[in-house]
PDB file of N, CA and C in Angstrom:
ATOM      1  N   MET A   1      -5.436  10.108   4.039  1.00  0.00           N
ATOM      2  CA  MET A   1      -6.728   9.507   3.867  1.00  0.00           C
ATOM      3  C   MET A   1      -7.002   8.617   5.087  1.00  0.00           C
ATOM      4  N   THR A   2      -8.225   8.592   5.529  1.00  0.00           N
ATOM      5  CA  THR A   2      -8.584   7.739   6.663  1.00  0.00           C
ATOM      6  C   THR A   2      -8.888   6.323   6.178  1.00  0.00           C
ATOM      7  N   VAL A   3      -8.928   5.390   7.104  1.00  0.00           N
ATOM      8  CA  VAL A   3      -9.294   4.012   6.772  1.00  0.00           C
ATOM      9  C   VAL A   3     -10.710   3.984   6.210  1.00  0.00           C
ATOM     10  N   HIS A   4     -11.602   4.720   6.836  1.00  0.00           N
ATOM     11  CA  HIS A   4     -12.990   4.751   6.378  1.00  0.00           C
ATOM     12  C   HIS A   4     -13.101   5.360   4.982  1.00  0.00           C
ATOM     13  N   GLY A   5     -12.279   6.349   4.691  1.00  0.00           N
ATOM     14  CA  GLY A   5     -12.285   6.992   3.381  1.00  0.00           C
ATOM     15  C   GLY A   5     -11.712   6.107   2.283  1.00  0.00           C
ATOM     16  N   ALA A   6     -10.950   5.089   2.668  1.00  0.00           N
ATOM     17  CA  ALA A   6     -10.316   4.202   1.701  1.00  0.00           C
ATOM     18  C   ALA A   6     -11.149   2.956   1.400  1.00  0.00           C
ATOM     19  N   LYS A   7     -12.333   2.876   1.968  1.00  0.00           N
ATOM     20  CA  LYS A   7     -13.180   1.705   1.728  1.00  0.00           C
ATOM     21  C   LYS A   7     -13.401   1.508   0.233  1.00  0.00           C
ATOM     22  N   ASN A   8     -13.416   0.241  -0.161  1.00  0.00           N
ATOM     23  CA  ASN A   8     -13.624  -0.158  -1.558  1.00  0.00           C
ATOM     24  C   ASN A   8     -12.529   0.336  -2.495  1.00  0.00           C
ATOM     25  N   GLN A   9     -11.365   0.659  -1.953  1.00  0.00           N
ATOM     26  CA  GLN A   9     -10.230   1.071  -2.773  1.00  0.00           C
ATOM     27  C   GLN A   9      -9.038   0.182  -2.434  1.00  0.00           C
ATOM     28  N   GLU A  10      -8.118   0.056  -3.376  1.00  0.00           N
ATOM     29  CA  GLU A  10      -6.880  -0.678  -3.154  1.00  0.00           C
ATOM     30  C   GLU A  10      -5.707   0.170  -3.619  1.00  0.00           C
ATOM     31  N   PHE A  11      -4.579  -0.046  -2.992  1.00  0.00           N
ATOM     32  CA  PHE A  11      -3.357   0.691  -3.298  1.00  0.00           C
ATOM     33  C   PHE A  11      -2.198  -0.297  -3.309  1.00  0.00           C
ATOM     34  N   ASP A  12      -1.161  -0.017  -4.096  1.00  0.00           N
ATOM     35  CA  ASP A  12       0.005  -0.900  -4.106  1.00  0.00           C
ATOM     36  C   ASP A  12       0.644  -0.966  -2.724  1.00  0.00           C
ATOM     37  N   ARG A  13       0.794   0.194  -2.118  1.00  0.00           N
ATOM     38  CA  ARG A  13       1.419   0.275  -0.792  1.00  0.00           C
ATOM     39  C   ARG A  13       0.549   1.107   0.141  1.00  0.00           C
ATOM     40  N   VAL A  14       0.487   0.660   1.385  1.00  0.00           N
ATOM     41  CA  VAL A  14      -0.303   1.360   2.400  1.00  0.00           C
ATOM     42  C   VAL A  14       0.572   1.578   3.621  1.00  0.00           C
ATOM     43  N   VAL A  15       0.526   2.773   4.170  1.00  0.00           N
ATOM     44  CA  VAL A  15       1.193   3.077   5.432  1.00  0.00           C
ATOM     45  C   VAL A  15       0.101   3.403   6.437  1.00  0.00           C
ATOM     46  N   VAL A  16       0.099   2.671   7.545  1.00  0.00           N
ATOM     47  CA  VAL A  16      -0.896   2.867   8.599  1.00  0.00           C
ATOM     48  C   VAL A  16      -0.202   3.525   9.784  1.00  0.00           C
ATOM     49  N   LEU A  17      -0.719   4.654  10.214  1.00  0.00           N
ATOM     50  CA  LEU A  17      -0.220   5.332  11.414  1.00  0.00           C
ATOM     51  C   LEU A  17      -1.191   5.003  12.539  1.00  0.00           C
ATOM     52  N   TRP A  18      -0.764   4.190  13.494  1.00  0.00           N
ATOM     53  CA  TRP A  18      -1.633   3.699  14.561  1.00  0.00           C
ATOM     54  C   TRP A  18      -1.371   4.514  15.834  1.00  0.00           C
ATOM     55  N   PRO A  19      -2.214   5.527  16.106  1.00  0.00           N
ATOM     56  CA  PRO A  19      -1.986   6.424  17.243  1.00  0.00           C
ATOM     57  C   PRO A  19      -2.545   5.865  18.552  1.00  0.00           C
ATOM     58  N   TYR A  20      -2.277   6.577  19.636  1.00  0.00           N
ATOM     59  CA  TYR A  20      -2.832   6.214  20.940  1.00  0.00           C
ATOM     60  C   TYR A  20      -4.334   6.444  20.996  1.00  0.00           C
ATOM     61  N   GLY A  21      -4.856   7.354  20.196  1.00  0.00           N
ATOM     62  CA  GLY A  21      -6.240   7.785  20.310  1.00  0.00           C
ATOM     63  C   GLY A  21      -7.280   6.847  19.725  1.00  0.00           C
ATOM     64  N   ILE A  22      -6.977   5.573  19.539  1.00  0.00           N
ATOM     65  CA  ILE A  22      -7.947   4.615  19.010  1.00  0.00           C
ATOM     66  C   ILE A  22      -8.885   4.197  20.142  1.00  0.00           C
ATOM     67  N   LYS A  23     -10.171   4.016  19.813  1.00  0.00           N
ATOM     68  CA  LYS A  23     -11.131   3.559  20.821  1.00  0.00           C
ATOM     69  C   LYS A  23     -10.617   2.292  21.492  1.00  0.00           C
ATOM     70  N   LYS A  24     -10.998   2.100  22.727  1.00  0.00           N
ATOM     71  CA  LYS A  24     -10.498   0.969  23.512  1.00  0.00           C
ATOM     72  C   LYS A  24     -11.158  -0.364  23.175  1.00  0.00           C
ATOM     73  N   ASP A  25     -12.272  -0.361  22.465  1.00  0.00           N
ATOM     74  CA  ASP A  25     -12.975  -1.590  22.135  1.00  0.00           C
ATOM     75  C   ASP A  25     -12.110  -2.468  21.227  1.00  0.00           C
ATOM     76  N   PRO A  26     -11.678  -3.644  21.691  1.00  0.00           N
ATOM     77  CA  PRO A  26     -10.791  -4.499  20.891  1.00  0.00           C
ATOM     78  C   PRO A  26     -11.401  -4.944  19.564  1.00  0.00           C
ATOM     79  N   LEU A  27     -12.696  -5.186  19.528  1.00  0.00           N
ATOM     80  CA  LEU A  27     -13.326  -5.603  18.276  1.00  0.00           C
ATOM     81  C   LEU A  27     -13.268  -4.485  17.237  1.00  0.00           C
ATOM     82  N   PHE A  28     -13.544  -3.257  17.664  1.00  0.00           N
ATOM     83  CA  PHE A  28     -13.442  -2.102  16.773  1.00  0.00           C
ATOM     84  C   PHE A  28     -12.020  -1.952  16.253  1.00  0.00           C
ATOM     85  N   GLN A  29     -11.038  -2.094  17.134  1.00  0.00           N
ATOM     86  CA  GLN A  29      -9.635  -1.965  16.744  1.00  0.00           C
ATOM     87  C   GLN A  29      -9.246  -3.023  15.713  1.00  0.00           C
ATOM     88  N   ARG A  30      -9.669  -4.256  15.938  1.00  0.00           N
ATOM     89  CA  ARG A  30      -9.325  -5.332  15.004  1.00  0.00           C
ATOM     90  C   ARG A  30      -9.933  -5.089  13.630  1.00  0.00           C
ATOM     91  N   LYS A  31     -11.189  -4.662  13.602  1.00  0.00           N
ATOM     92  CA  LYS A  31     -11.842  -4.381  12.323  1.00  0.00           C
ATOM     93  C   LYS A  31     -11.154  -3.231  11.597  1.00  0.00           C
ATOM     94  N   LEU A  32     -10.797  -2.196  12.338  1.00  0.00           N
ATOM     95  CA  LEU A  32     -10.128  -1.044  11.746  1.00  0.00           C
ATOM     96  C   LEU A  32      -8.763  -1.437  11.183  1.00  0.00           C
ATOM     97  N   LEU A  33      -7.991  -2.193  11.959  1.00  0.00           N
ATOM     98  CA  LEU A  33      -6.674  -2.633  11.503  1.00  0.00           C
ATOM     99  C   LEU A  33      -6.804  -3.544  10.287  1.00  0.00           C
ATOM    100  N   TYR A  34      -7.753  -4.453  10.312  1.00  0.00           N
ATOM    101  CA  TYR A  34      -7.990  -5.349   9.174  1.00  0.00           C
ATOM    102  C   TYR A  34      -8.324  -4.543   7.925  1.00  0.00           C
ATOM    103  N   ASN A  35      -9.229  -3.590   8.056  1.00  0.00           N
ATOM    104  CA  ASN A  35      -9.622  -2.770   6.912  1.00  0.00           C
ATOM    105  C   ASN A  35      -8.448  -1.959   6.375  1.00  0.00           C
ATOM    106  N   ALA A  36      -7.608  -1.468   7.258  1.00  0.00           N
ATOM    107  CA  ALA A  36      -6.455  -0.683   6.822  1.00  0.00           C
ATOM    108  C   ALA A  36      -5.449  -1.549   6.061  1.00  0.00           C
ATOM    109  N   VAL A  37      -5.125  -2.690   6.610  1.00  0.00           N
ATOM    110  CA  VAL A  37      -4.097  -3.548   6.017  1.00  0.00           C
ATOM    111  C   VAL A  37      -4.574  -4.170   4.705  1.00  0.00           C
ATOM    112  N   THR A  38      -5.832  -4.514   4.619  1.00  0.00           N
ATOM    113  CA  THR A  38      -6.324  -5.173   3.409  1.00  0.00           C
ATOM    114  C   THR A  38      -6.545  -4.213   2.240  1.00  0.00           C
ATOM    115  N   ARG A  39      -6.260  -2.943   2.417  1.00  0.00           N
ATOM    116  CA  ARG A  39      -6.286  -2.000   1.286  1.00  0.00           C
ATOM    117  C   ARG A  39      -5.038  -2.168   0.437  1.00  0.00           C
ATOM    118  N   ALA A  40      -3.994  -2.794   0.984  1.00  0.00           N
ATOM    119  CA  ALA A  40      -2.711  -2.925   0.283  1.00  0.00           C
ATOM    120  C   ALA A  40      -2.713  -4.121  -0.656  1.00  0.00           C
ATOM    121  N   LYS A  41      -2.271  -3.891  -1.899  1.00  0.00           N
ATOM    122  CA  LYS A  41      -2.120  -4.987  -2.860  1.00  0.00           C
ATOM    123  C   LYS A  41      -0.789  -5.704  -2.657  1.00  0.00           C
ATOM    124  N   ARG A  42       0.261  -4.934  -2.348  1.00  0.00           N
ATOM    125  CA  ARG A  42       1.606  -5.507  -2.271  1.00  0.00           C
ATOM    126  C   ARG A  42       2.268  -5.373  -0.904  1.00  0.00           C
ATOM    127  N   GLU A  43       2.144  -4.219  -0.295  1.00  0.00           N
ATOM    128  CA  GLU A  43       2.917  -3.965   0.923  1.00  0.00           C
ATOM    129  C   GLU A  43       2.141  -3.069   1.869  1.00  0.00           C
ATOM    130  N   ALA A  44       2.187  -3.419   3.150  1.00  0.00           N
ATOM    131  CA  ALA A  44       1.593  -2.577   4.191  1.00  0.00           C
ATOM    132  C   ALA A  44       2.640  -2.351   5.283  1.00  0.00           C
ATOM    133  N   VAL A  45       2.796  -1.106   5.672  1.00  0.00           N
ATOM    134  CA  VAL A  45       3.710  -0.728   6.743  1.00  0.00           C
ATOM    135  C   VAL A  45       2.859  -0.134   7.849  1.00  0.00           C
ATOM    136  N   ILE A  46       3.059  -0.616   9.076  1.00  0.00           N
ATOM    137  CA  ILE A  46       2.270  -0.123  10.208  1.00  0.00           C
ATOM    138  C   ILE A  46       3.221   0.516  11.205  1.00  0.00           C
ATOM    139  N   LEU A  47       3.016   1.792  11.453  1.00  0.00           N
ATOM    140  CA  LEU A  47       3.815   2.535  12.424  1.00  0.00           C
ATOM    141  C   LEU A  47       2.955   2.725  13.669  1.00  0.00           C
ATOM    142  N   VAL A  48       3.437   2.201  14.795  1.00  0.00           N
ATOM    143  CA  VAL A  48       2.673   2.216  16.037  1.00  0.00           C
ATOM    144  C   VAL A  48       3.255   3.247  16.992  1.00  0.00           C
ATOM    145  N   GLN A  49       2.416   4.194  17.399  1.00  0.00           N
ATOM    146  CA  GLN A  49       2.851   5.180  18.380  1.00  0.00           C
ATOM    147  C   GLN A  49       3.030   4.454  19.717  1.00  0.00           C
ATOM    148  N   GLY A  50       4.219   4.504  20.256  1.00  0.00           N
ATOM    149  CA  GLY A  50       4.522   3.808  21.498  1.00  0.00           C
ATOM    150  C   GLY A  50       5.413   2.601  21.273  1.00  0.00           C
ATOM    151  N   GLY A  51       5.548   2.182  20.039  1.00  0.00           N
ATOM    152  CA  GLY A  51       6.481   1.130  19.652  1.00  0.00           C
ATOM    153  C   GLY A  51       6.248  -0.226  20.304  1.00  0.00           C
ATOM    154  N   ASP A  52       7.342  -0.957  20.505  1.00  0.00           N
ATOM    155  CA  ASP A  52       7.284  -2.329  21.005  1.00  0.00           C
ATOM    156  C   ASP A  52       6.630  -2.446  22.382  1.00  0.00           C
ATOM    157  N   ALA A  53       6.842  -1.466  23.241  1.00  0.00           N
ATOM    158  CA  ALA A  53       6.247  -1.517  24.580  1.00  0.00           C
ATOM    159  C   ALA A  53       4.727  -1.516  24.489  1.00  0.00           C
ATOM    160  N   ARG A  54       4.182  -0.735  23.591  1.00  0.00           N
ATOM    161  CA  ARG A  54       2.728  -0.689  23.426  1.00  0.00           C
ATOM    162  C   ARG A  54       2.212  -1.960  22.773  1.00  0.00           C
ATOM    163  N   ILE A  55       2.918  -2.466  21.791  1.00  0.00           N
ATOM    164  CA  ILE A  55       2.503  -3.692  21.114  1.00  0.00           C
ATOM    165  C   ILE A  55       2.414  -4.840  22.114  1.00  0.00           C
ATOM    166  N   ALA A  56       3.350  -4.916  23.037  1.00  0.00           N
ATOM    167  CA  ALA A  56       3.374  -5.988  24.027  1.00  0.00           C
ATOM    168  C   ALA A  56       2.154  -5.960  24.946  1.00  0.00           C
ATOM    169  N   LYS A  57       1.548  -4.796  25.140  1.00  0.00           N
ATOM    170  CA  LYS A  57       0.417  -4.652  26.052  1.00  0.00           C
ATOM    171  C   LYS A  57      -0.935  -4.684  25.354  1.00  0.00           C
ATOM    172  N   ASP A  58      -0.969  -4.640  24.036  1.00  0.00           N
ATOM    173  CA  ASP A  58      -2.217  -4.485  23.288  1.00  0.00           C
ATOM    174  C   ASP A  58      -2.521  -5.750  22.492  1.00  0.00           C
ATOM    175  N   SER A  59      -3.641  -6.407  22.794  1.00  0.00           N
ATOM    176  CA  SER A  59      -3.964  -7.679  22.140  1.00  0.00           C
ATOM    177  C   SER A  59      -4.171  -7.529  20.630  1.00  0.00           C
ATOM    178  N   THR A  60      -4.719  -6.415  20.188  1.00  0.00           N
ATOM    179  CA  THR A  60      -4.907  -6.200  18.755  1.00  0.00           C
ATOM    180  C   THR A  60      -3.568  -6.049  18.057  1.00  0.00           C
ATOM    181  N   LEU A  61      -2.677  -5.268  18.638  1.00  0.00           N
ATOM    182  CA  LEU A  61      -1.374  -5.045  18.023  1.00  0.00           C
ATOM    183  C   LEU A  61      -0.497  -6.278  18.076  1.00  0.00           C
ATOM    184  N   GLN A  62      -0.744  -7.179  19.022  1.00  0.00           N
ATOM    185  CA  GLN A  62       0.027  -8.421  19.086  1.00  0.00           C
ATOM    186  C   GLN A  62      -0.217  -9.293  17.871  1.00  0.00           C
ATOM    187  N   LEU A  63      -1.335  -9.070  17.164  1.00  0.00           N
ATOM    188  CA  LEU A  63      -1.611  -9.797  15.929  1.00  0.00           C
ATOM    189  C   LEU A  63      -0.569  -9.489  14.855  1.00  0.00           C
ATOM    190  N   LEU A  64       0.130  -8.371  15.000  1.00  0.00           N
ATOM    191  CA  LEU A  64       1.136  -7.971  14.022  1.00  0.00           C
ATOM    192  C   LEU A  64       2.421  -8.779  14.159  1.00  0.00           C
ATOM    193  N   ARG A  65       2.620  -9.361  15.292  1.00  0.00           N
ATOM    194  CA  ARG A  65       3.855 -10.150  15.522  1.00  0.00           C
ATOM    195  C   ARG A  65       3.746 -11.467  14.786  1.00  0.00           C
ATOM    196  N   GLY A  66       4.820 -11.857  14.154  1.00  0.00           N
ATOM    197  CA  GLY A  66       4.816 -13.088  13.364  1.00  0.00           C
ATOM    198  C   GLY A  66       5.222 -14.288  14.067  1.00  0.00           C
TER     199      GLY A  66
END
């Protein structure tokens, strides 16, 4: 299911697959990530294509670091 398809729905657990093919606009990325994560009632797992190296270079993905 896509993030857009999950609007107005909630799930106990959500797995987000974050690929390279996301638009480059940081505001769009933040809104998309927010919408994906807030579908979860209990647990959200985010798998990032490119791993830690990509997270270090991407301001939106840096929000995931605690």
